[in-house]
Amino acid sequence: MKLLIRTSILKKTLKQDETFQTVLEIGRGFGTLGEVLKTSGLTNFKYIDVDIQHLSYIAQNYLSNVFRVENVRIYEETANKQDIFI
């Protein structure tokens, strides 16, 4: 139910022709905003979820189910990089 409410709020907030390419969420959750974005009908966007280690692990598993595992990058893949291409 919460997902439906959040999706509804997102659709009401965005203008008809408004779009974006990247969404950055810092803290406070485990990836549910990513699921809201995916189920809202938006396409061709990148969702980045940054959080503390324990919640990041939960988000990794959650988002792997939402976006498919091959579309999710985890901390270990980016930890030693100086730059991360988005």
PDB file of N, CA and C in Angstrom:
ATOM      1  N   MET A   1       0.815  -1.198   0.000  1.00  0.00           N
ATOM      2  CA  MET A   1       0.000   0.000   0.000  1.00  0.00           C
ATOM      3  C   MET A   1       0.862   1.268   0.000  1.00  0.00           C
ATOM      4  N   LYS A   2       1.925   1.250   0.805  1.00  0.00           N
ATOM      5  CA  LYS A   2       2.798   2.421   0.848  1.00  0.00           C
ATOM      6  C   LYS A   2       3.415   2.699  -0.519  1.00  0.00           C
ATOM      7  N   LEU A   3       3.779   1.627  -1.245  1.00  0.00           N
ATOM      8  CA  LEU A   3       4.351   1.795  -2.572  1.00  0.00           C
ATOM      9  C   LEU A   3       3.363   2.496  -3.501  1.00  0.00           C
ATOM     10  N   LEU A   4       2.123   2.109  -3.455  1.00  0.00           N
ATOM     11  CA  LEU A   4       1.088   2.721  -4.279  1.00  0.00           C
ATOM     12  C   LEU A   4       0.917   4.204  -3.929  1.00  0.00           C
ATOM     13  N   ILE A   5       0.922   4.520  -2.662  1.00  0.00           N
ATOM     14  CA  ILE A   5       0.790   5.911  -2.227  1.00  0.00           C
ATOM     15  C   ILE A   5       1.981   6.735  -2.697  1.00  0.00           C
ATOM     16  N   ARG A   6       3.181   6.204  -2.539  1.00  0.00           N
ATOM     17  CA  ARG A   6       4.387   6.933  -2.970  1.00  0.00           C
ATOM     18  C   ARG A   6       4.416   7.127  -4.472  1.00  0.00           C
ATOM     19  N   THR A   7       3.994   6.122  -5.223  1.00  0.00           N
ATOM     20  CA  THR A   7       3.940   6.248  -6.678  1.00  0.00           C
ATOM     21  C   THR A   7       2.933   7.316  -7.083  1.00  0.00           C
ATOM     22  N   SER A   8       1.807   7.340  -6.415  1.00  0.00           N
ATOM     23  CA  SER A   8       0.781   8.342  -6.686  1.00  0.00           C
ATOM     24  C   SER A   8       1.298   9.750  -6.409  1.00  0.00           C
ATOM     25  N   ILE A   9       1.985   9.928  -5.309  1.00  0.00           N
ATOM     26  CA  ILE A   9       2.549  11.241  -4.963  1.00  0.00           C
ATOM     27  C   ILE A   9       3.577  11.665  -6.010  1.00  0.00           C
ATOM     28  N   LEU A  10       4.425  10.738  -6.436  1.00  0.00           N
ATOM     29  CA  LEU A  10       5.420  11.054  -7.457  1.00  0.00           C
ATOM     30  C   LEU A  10       4.750  11.504  -8.739  1.00  0.00           C
ATOM     31  N   LYS A  11       3.727  10.792  -9.185  1.00  0.00           N
ATOM     32  CA  LYS A  11       3.039  11.153 -10.427  1.00  0.00           C
ATOM     33  C   LYS A  11       2.349  12.510 -10.322  1.00  0.00           C
ATOM     34  N   LYS A  12       1.822  12.831  -9.153  1.00  0.00           N
ATOM     35  CA  LYS A  12       1.182  14.131  -8.965  1.00  0.00           C
ATOM     36  C   LYS A  12       2.210  15.259  -8.943  1.00  0.00           C
ATOM     37  N   THR A  13       3.406  14.966  -8.455  1.00  0.00           N
ATOM     38  CA  THR A  13       4.451  15.974  -8.312  1.00  0.00           C
ATOM     39  C   THR A  13       5.108  16.309  -9.640  1.00  0.00           C
ATOM     40  N   LEU A  14       5.338  15.301 -10.483  1.00  0.00           N
ATOM     41  CA  LEU A  14       5.983  15.523 -11.771  1.00  0.00           C
ATOM     42  C   LEU A  14       4.999  16.097 -12.775  1.00  0.00           C
ATOM     43  N   LYS A  15       5.472  17.047 -13.565  1.00  0.00           N
ATOM     44  CA  LYS A  15       4.655  17.568 -14.650  1.00  0.00           C
ATOM     45  C   LYS A  15       4.572  16.524 -15.753  1.00  0.00           C
ATOM     46  N   GLN A  16       3.597  16.628 -16.616  1.00  0.00           N
ATOM     47  CA  GLN A  16       3.328  15.640 -17.665  1.00  0.00           C
ATOM     48  C   GLN A  16       4.563  15.321 -18.501  1.00  0.00           C
ATOM     49  N   ASP A  17       5.316  16.345 -18.895  1.00  0.00           N
ATOM     50  CA  ASP A  17       6.462  16.125 -19.773  1.00  0.00           C
ATOM     51  C   ASP A  17       7.798  16.170 -19.021  1.00  0.00           C
ATOM     52  N   GLU A  18       7.741  16.244 -17.704  1.00  0.00           N
ATOM     53  CA  GLU A  18       8.964  16.337 -16.914  1.00  0.00           C
ATOM     54  C   GLU A  18       9.654  14.974 -16.825  1.00  0.00           C
ATOM     55  N   THR A  19      10.956  14.996 -16.931  1.00  0.00           N
ATOM     56  CA  THR A  19      11.725  13.763 -16.845  1.00  0.00           C
ATOM     57  C   THR A  19      13.066  14.062 -16.189  1.00  0.00           C
ATOM     58  N   PHE A  20      13.772  13.043 -15.818  1.00  0.00           N
ATOM     59  CA  PHE A  20      15.101  13.195 -15.237  1.00  0.00           C
ATOM     60  C   PHE A  20      15.918  11.970 -15.592  1.00  0.00           C
ATOM     61  N   GLN A  21      17.242  12.085 -15.442  1.00  0.00           N
ATOM     62  CA  GLN A  21      18.116  10.981 -15.803  1.00  0.00           C
ATOM     63  C   GLN A  21      18.685  10.258 -14.592  1.00  0.00           C
ATOM     64  N   THR A  22      18.907  10.978 -13.499  1.00  0.00           N
ATOM     65  CA  THR A  22      19.560  10.388 -12.337  1.00  0.00           C
ATOM     66  C   THR A  22      18.885  10.848 -11.054  1.00  0.00           C
ATOM     67  N   VAL A  23      18.676   9.906 -10.152  1.00  0.00           N
ATOM     68  CA  VAL A  23      18.122  10.200  -8.836  1.00  0.00           C
ATOM     69  C   VAL A  23      19.128   9.695  -7.800  1.00  0.00           C
ATOM     70  N   LEU A  24      19.522  10.566  -6.885  1.00  0.00           N
ATOM     71  CA  LEU A  24      20.447  10.213  -5.818  1.00  0.00           C
ATOM     72  C   LEU A  24      19.705  10.273  -4.492  1.00  0.00           C
ATOM     73  N   GLU A  25      19.670   9.129  -3.793  1.00  0.00           N
ATOM     74  CA  GLU A  25      19.048   9.075  -2.475  1.00  0.00           C
ATOM     75  C   GLU A  25      20.154   8.801  -1.461  1.00  0.00           C
ATOM     76  N   ILE A  26      20.277   9.658  -0.479  1.00  0.00           N
ATOM     77  CA  ILE A  26      21.314   9.500   0.535  1.00  0.00           C
ATOM     78  C   ILE A  26      20.646   9.173   1.859  1.00  0.00           C
ATOM     79  N   GLY A  27      20.900   7.957   2.326  1.00  0.00           N
ATOM     80  CA  GLY A  27      20.383   7.520   3.618  1.00  0.00           C
ATOM     81  C   GLY A  27      18.878   7.326   3.647  1.00  0.00           C
ATOM     82  N   ARG A  28      18.424   6.945   4.809  1.00  0.00           N
ATOM     83  CA  ARG A  28      17.003   6.851   5.115  1.00  0.00           C
ATOM     84  C   ARG A  28      16.228   5.835   4.276  1.00  0.00           C
ATOM     85  N   GLY A  29      16.659   4.620   4.283  1.00  0.00           N
ATOM     86  CA  GLY A  29      15.860   3.624   3.577  1.00  0.00           C
ATOM     87  C   GLY A  29      16.676   2.490   3.029  1.00  0.00           C
ATOM     88  N   PHE A  30      16.016   1.646   2.290  1.00  0.00           N
ATOM     89  CA  PHE A  30      16.701   0.487   1.725  1.00  0.00           C
ATOM     90  C   PHE A  30      16.352   0.280   0.268  1.00  0.00           C
ATOM     91  N   GLY A  31      15.984   1.339  -0.440  1.00  0.00           N
ATOM     92  CA  GLY A  31      15.753   1.233  -1.864  1.00  0.00           C
ATOM     93  C   GLY A  31      14.313   1.330  -2.314  1.00  0.00           C
ATOM     94  N   THR A  32      13.393   1.613  -1.418  1.00  0.00           N
ATOM     95  CA  THR A  32      11.991   1.653  -1.832  1.00  0.00           C
ATOM     96  C   THR A  32      11.717   2.776  -2.832  1.00  0.00           C
ATOM     97  N   LEU A  33      12.466   3.876  -2.745  1.00  0.00           N
ATOM     98  CA  LEU A  33      12.282   4.938  -3.739  1.00  0.00           C
ATOM     99  C   LEU A  33      12.607   4.404  -5.138  1.00  0.00           C
ATOM    100  N   GLY A  34      13.614   3.559  -5.244  1.00  0.00           N
ATOM    101  CA  GLY A  34      13.934   2.940  -6.535  1.00  0.00           C
ATOM    102  C   GLY A  34      12.782   2.141  -7.083  1.00  0.00           C
ATOM    103  N   GLU A  35      12.101   1.403  -6.218  1.00  0.00           N
ATOM    104  CA  GLU A  35      10.945   0.629  -6.664  1.00  0.00           C
ATOM    105  C   GLU A  35       9.802   1.549  -7.077  1.00  0.00           C
ATOM    106  N   VAL A  36       9.613   2.623  -6.340  1.00  0.00           N
ATOM    107  CA  VAL A  36       8.577   3.604  -6.704  1.00  0.00           C
ATOM    108  C   VAL A  36       8.860   4.159  -8.091  1.00  0.00           C
ATOM    109  N   LEU A  37      10.106   4.535  -8.347  1.00  0.00           N
ATOM    110  CA  LEU A  37      10.463   5.080  -9.654  1.00  0.00           C
ATOM    111  C   LEU A  37      10.236   4.051 -10.762  1.00  0.00           C
ATOM    112  N   LYS A  38      10.630   2.821 -10.514  1.00  0.00           N
ATOM    113  CA  LYS A  38      10.480   1.776 -11.534  1.00  0.00           C
ATOM    114  C   LYS A  38       9.010   1.498 -11.827  1.00  0.00           C
ATOM    115  N   THR A  39       8.177   1.452 -10.817  1.00  0.00           N
ATOM    116  CA  THR A  39       6.763   1.126 -11.029  1.00  0.00           C
ATOM    117  C   THR A  39       5.939   2.317 -11.494  1.00  0.00           C
ATOM    118  N   SER A  40       6.541   3.505 -11.510  1.00  0.00           N
ATOM    119  CA  SER A  40       5.787   4.698 -11.903  1.00  0.00           C
ATOM    120  C   SER A  40       5.704   4.885 -13.415  1.00  0.00           C
ATOM    121  N   GLY A  41       6.393   4.037 -14.153  1.00  0.00           N
ATOM    122  CA  GLY A  41       6.348   4.153 -15.609  1.00  0.00           C
ATOM    123  C   GLY A  41       7.484   4.970 -16.189  1.00  0.00           C
ATOM    124  N   LEU A  42       8.335   5.525 -15.351  1.00  0.00           N
ATOM    125  CA  LEU A  42       9.493   6.263 -15.843  1.00  0.00           C
ATOM    126  C   LEU A  42      10.486   5.294 -16.465  1.00  0.00           C
ATOM    127  N   THR A  43      11.208   5.756 -17.475  1.00  0.00           N
ATOM    128  CA  THR A  43      12.187   4.906 -18.141  1.00  0.00           C
ATOM    129  C   THR A  43      13.505   5.654 -18.274  1.00  0.00           C
ATOM    130  N   ASN A  44      14.548   4.907 -18.551  1.00  0.00           N
ATOM    131  CA  ASN A  44      15.878   5.477 -18.818  1.00  0.00           C
ATOM    132  C   ASN A  44      16.380   6.401 -17.717  1.00  0.00           C
ATOM    133  N   PHE A  45      16.322   5.943 -16.489  1.00  0.00           N
ATOM    134  CA  PHE A  45      16.860   6.717 -15.383  1.00  0.00           C
ATOM    135  C   PHE A  45      17.824   5.850 -14.585  1.00  0.00           C
ATOM    136  N   LYS A  46      18.687   6.524 -13.831  1.00  0.00           N
ATOM    137  CA  LYS A  46      19.597   5.822 -12.938  1.00  0.00           C
ATOM    138  C   LYS A  46      19.219   6.216 -11.512  1.00  0.00           C
ATOM    139  N   TYR A  47      19.185   5.228 -10.650  1.00  0.00           N
ATOM    140  CA  TYR A  47      18.847   5.442  -9.247  1.00  0.00           C
ATOM    141  C   TYR A  47      20.061   5.049  -8.412  1.00  0.00           C
ATOM    142  N   ILE A  48      20.555   5.977  -7.613  1.00  0.00           N
ATOM    143  CA  ILE A  48      21.724   5.729  -6.779  1.00  0.00           C
ATOM    144  C   ILE A  48      21.291   5.849  -5.324  1.00  0.00           C
ATOM    145  N   ASP A  49      21.540   4.798  -4.570  1.00  0.00           N
ATOM    146  CA  ASP A  49      21.167   4.745  -3.152  1.00  0.00           C
ATOM    147  C   ASP A  49      22.452   4.635  -2.332  1.00  0.00           C
ATOM    148  N   VAL A  50      22.738   5.661  -1.536  1.00  0.00           N
ATOM    149  CA  VAL A  50      23.942   5.686  -0.714  1.00  0.00           C
ATOM    150  C   VAL A  50      23.520   5.650   0.750  1.00  0.00           C
ATOM    151  N   ASP A  51      24.112   4.717   1.497  1.00  0.00           N
ATOM    152  CA  ASP A  51      23.730   4.581   2.904  1.00  0.00           C
ATOM    153  C   ASP A  51      24.861   3.939   3.687  1.00  0.00           C
ATOM    154  N   ILE A  52      24.671   3.777   4.971  1.00  0.00           N
ATOM    155  CA  ILE A  52      25.658   3.101   5.796  1.00  0.00           C
ATOM    156  C   ILE A  52      25.719   1.630   5.403  1.00  0.00           C
ATOM    157  N   GLN A  53      26.799   0.970   5.786  1.00  0.00           N
ATOM    158  CA  GLN A  53      27.077  -0.378   5.301  1.00  0.00           C
ATOM    159  C   GLN A  53      25.923  -1.359   5.502  1.00  0.00           C
ATOM    160  N   HIS A  54      25.350  -1.426   6.676  1.00  0.00           N
ATOM    161  CA  HIS A  54      24.311  -2.420   6.943  1.00  0.00           C
ATOM    162  C   HIS A  54      23.064  -2.187   6.095  1.00  0.00           C
ATOM    163  N   LEU A  55      22.625  -0.953   6.012  1.00  0.00           N
ATOM    164  CA  LEU A  55      21.450  -0.670   5.183  1.00  0.00           C
ATOM    165  C   LEU A  55      21.768  -0.787   3.702  1.00  0.00           C
ATOM    166  N   SER A  56      22.999  -0.487   3.345  1.00  0.00           N
ATOM    167  CA  SER A  56      23.403  -0.634   1.954  1.00  0.00           C
ATOM    168  C   SER A  56      23.321  -2.099   1.514  1.00  0.00           C
ATOM    169  N   TYR A  57      23.681  -3.003   2.386  1.00  0.00           N
ATOM    170  CA  TYR A  57      23.593  -4.432   2.080  1.00  0.00           C
ATOM    171  C   TYR A  57      22.135  -4.852   1.877  1.00  0.00           C
ATOM    172  N   ILE A  58      21.256  -4.360   2.727  1.00  0.00           N
ATOM    173  CA  ILE A  58      19.826  -4.660   2.586  1.00  0.00           C
ATOM    174  C   ILE A  58      19.306  -4.085   1.271  1.00  0.00           C
ATOM    175  N   ALA A  59      19.695  -2.854   0.967  1.00  0.00           N
ATOM    176  CA  ALA A  59      19.268  -2.215  -0.277  1.00  0.00           C
ATOM    177  C   ALA A  59      19.763  -2.990  -1.487  1.00  0.00           C
ATOM    178  N   GLN A  60      20.993  -3.478  -1.413  1.00  0.00           N
ATOM    179  CA  GLN A  60      21.561  -4.261  -2.522  1.00  0.00           C
ATOM    180  C   GLN A  60      20.681  -5.464  -2.825  1.00  0.00           C
ATOM    181  N   ASN A  61      20.277  -6.176  -1.816  1.00  0.00           N
ATOM    182  CA  ASN A  61      19.430  -7.346  -2.029  1.00  0.00           C
ATOM    183  C   ASN A  61      18.037  -6.961  -2.516  1.00  0.00           C
ATOM    184  N   TYR A  62      17.476  -5.937  -1.915  1.00  0.00           N
ATOM    185  CA  TYR A  62      16.140  -5.468  -2.288  1.00  0.00           C
ATOM    186  C   TYR A  62      16.128  -4.992  -3.744  1.00  0.00           C
ATOM    187  N   LEU A  63      17.091  -4.135  -4.092  1.00  0.00           N
ATOM    188  CA  LEU A  63      17.124  -3.566  -5.437  1.00  0.00           C
ATOM    189  C   LEU A  63      17.509  -4.597  -6.499  1.00  0.00           C
ATOM    190  N   SER A  64      18.241  -5.619  -6.111  1.00  0.00           N
ATOM    191  CA  SER A  64      18.560  -6.693  -7.053  1.00  0.00           C
ATOM    192  C   SER A  64      17.292  -7.417  -7.503  1.00  0.00           C
ATOM    193  N   ASN A  65      16.310  -7.486  -6.632  1.00  0.00           N
ATOM    194  CA  ASN A  65      15.025  -8.084  -7.003  1.00  0.00           C
ATOM    195  C   ASN A  65      14.175  -7.130  -7.826  1.00  0.00           C
ATOM    196  N   VAL A  66      14.284  -5.841  -7.544  1.00  0.00           N
ATOM    197  CA  VAL A  66      13.479  -4.842  -8.259  1.00  0.00           C
ATOM    198  C   VAL A  66      14.021  -4.603  -9.669  1.00  0.00           C
ATOM    199  N   PHE A  67      15.341  -4.401  -9.786  1.00  0.00           N
ATOM    200  CA  PHE A  67      15.951  -4.016 -11.066  1.00  0.00           C
ATOM    201  C   PHE A  67      16.707  -5.145 -11.768  1.00  0.00           C
ATOM    202  N   ARG A  68      16.742  -6.323 -11.199  1.00  0.00           N
ATOM    203  CA  ARG A  68      17.537  -7.469 -11.641  1.00  0.00           C
ATOM    204  C   ARG A  68      18.989  -7.262 -11.202  1.00  0.00           C
ATOM    205  N   VAL A  69      19.579  -8.325 -10.755  1.00  0.00           N
ATOM    206  CA  VAL A  69      20.902  -8.287 -10.144  1.00  0.00           C
ATOM    207  C   VAL A  69      21.966  -7.701 -11.079  1.00  0.00           C
ATOM    208  N   GLU A  70      21.868  -7.939 -12.365  1.00  0.00           N
ATOM    209  CA  GLU A  70      22.889  -7.432 -13.290  1.00  0.00           C
ATOM    210  C   GLU A  70      22.838  -5.911 -13.459  1.00  0.00           C
ATOM    211  N   ASN A  71      21.790  -5.269 -12.989  1.00  0.00           N
ATOM    212  CA  ASN A  71      21.664  -3.820 -13.089  1.00  0.00           C
ATOM    213  C   ASN A  71      22.014  -3.099 -11.794  1.00  0.00           C
ATOM    214  N   VAL A  72      22.446  -3.833 -10.796  1.00  0.00           N
ATOM    215  CA  VAL A  72      22.757  -3.242  -9.483  1.00  0.00           C
ATOM    216  C   VAL A  72      24.259  -3.329  -9.238  1.00  0.00           C
ATOM    217  N   ARG A  73      24.880  -2.203  -8.904  1.00  0.00           N
ATOM    218  CA  ARG A  73      26.292  -2.170  -8.543  1.00  0.00           C
ATOM    219  C   ARG A  73      26.382  -2.094  -7.026  1.00  0.00           C
ATOM    220  N   ILE A  74      27.317  -2.827  -6.462  1.00  0.00           N
ATOM    221  CA  ILE A  74      27.441  -2.861  -5.017  1.00  0.00           C
ATOM    222  C   ILE A  74      28.720  -2.154  -4.570  1.00  0.00           C
ATOM    223  N   TYR A  75      28.807  -1.910  -3.295  1.00  0.00           N
ATOM    224  CA  TYR A  75      29.927  -1.170  -2.719  1.00  0.00           C
ATOM    225  C   TYR A  75      31.280  -1.764  -3.120  1.00  0.00           C
ATOM    226  N   GLU A  76      31.417  -3.068  -3.030  1.00  0.00           N
ATOM    227  CA  GLU A  76      32.684  -3.722  -3.331  1.00  0.00           C
ATOM    228  C   GLU A  76      33.160  -3.447  -4.758  1.00  0.00           C
ATOM    229  N   GLU A  77      32.246  -3.217  -5.678  1.00  0.00           N
ATOM    230  CA  GLU A  77      32.607  -2.947  -7.071  1.00  0.00           C
ATOM    231  C   GLU A  77      33.103  -1.518  -7.276  1.00  0.00           C
ATOM    232  N   THR A  78      32.798  -0.635  -6.342  1.00  0.00           N
ATOM    233  CA  THR A  78      33.140   0.774  -6.526  1.00  0.00           C
ATOM    234  C   THR A  78      34.048   1.336  -5.437  1.00  0.00           C
ATOM    235  N   ALA A  79      34.304   0.579  -4.383  1.00  0.00           N
ATOM    236  CA  ALA A  79      35.025   1.096  -3.212  1.00  0.00           C
ATOM    237  C   ALA A  79      36.414   1.634  -3.536  1.00  0.00           C
ATOM    238  N   ASN A  80      37.134   1.001  -4.434  1.00  0.00           N
ATOM    239  CA  ASN A  80      38.506   1.410  -4.713  1.00  0.00           C
ATOM    240  C   ASN A  80      38.639   2.319  -5.923  1.00  0.00           C
ATOM    241  N   LYS A  81      37.533   2.763  -6.450  1.00  0.00           N
ATOM    242  CA  LYS A  81      37.583   3.638  -7.617  1.00  0.00           C
ATOM    243  C   LYS A  81      37.644   5.102  -7.171  1.00  0.00           C
ATOM    244  N   GLN A  82      38.444   5.861  -7.872  1.00  0.00           N
ATOM    245  CA  GLN A  82      38.521   7.286  -7.578  1.00  0.00           C
ATOM    246  C   GLN A  82      37.320   8.018  -8.173  1.00  0.00           C
ATOM    247  N   ASP A  83      36.880   7.587  -9.333  1.00  0.00           N
ATOM    248  CA  ASP A  83      35.697   8.145  -9.995  1.00  0.00           C
ATOM    249  C   ASP A  83      34.752   7.020 -10.328  1.00  0.00           C
ATOM    250  N   ILE A  84      33.471   7.318 -10.281  1.00  0.00           N
ATOM    251  CA  ILE A  84      32.449   6.339 -10.649  1.00  0.00           C
ATOM    252  C   ILE A  84      31.626   6.945 -11.771  1.00  0.00           C
ATOM    253  N   PHE A  85      31.653   6.301 -12.936  1.00  0.00           N
ATOM    254  CA  PHE A  85      30.868   6.768 -14.068  1.00  0.00           C
ATOM    255  C   PHE A  85      29.400   6.424 -13.820  1.00  0.00           C
ATOM    256  N   ILE A  86      28.553   7.417 -13.944  1.00  0.00           N
ATOM    257  CA  ILE A  86      27.113   7.199 -13.722  1.00  0.00           C
ATOM    258  C   ILE A  86      26.426   7.159 -15.059  1.00  0.00           C
TER     259      ILE A  86
END
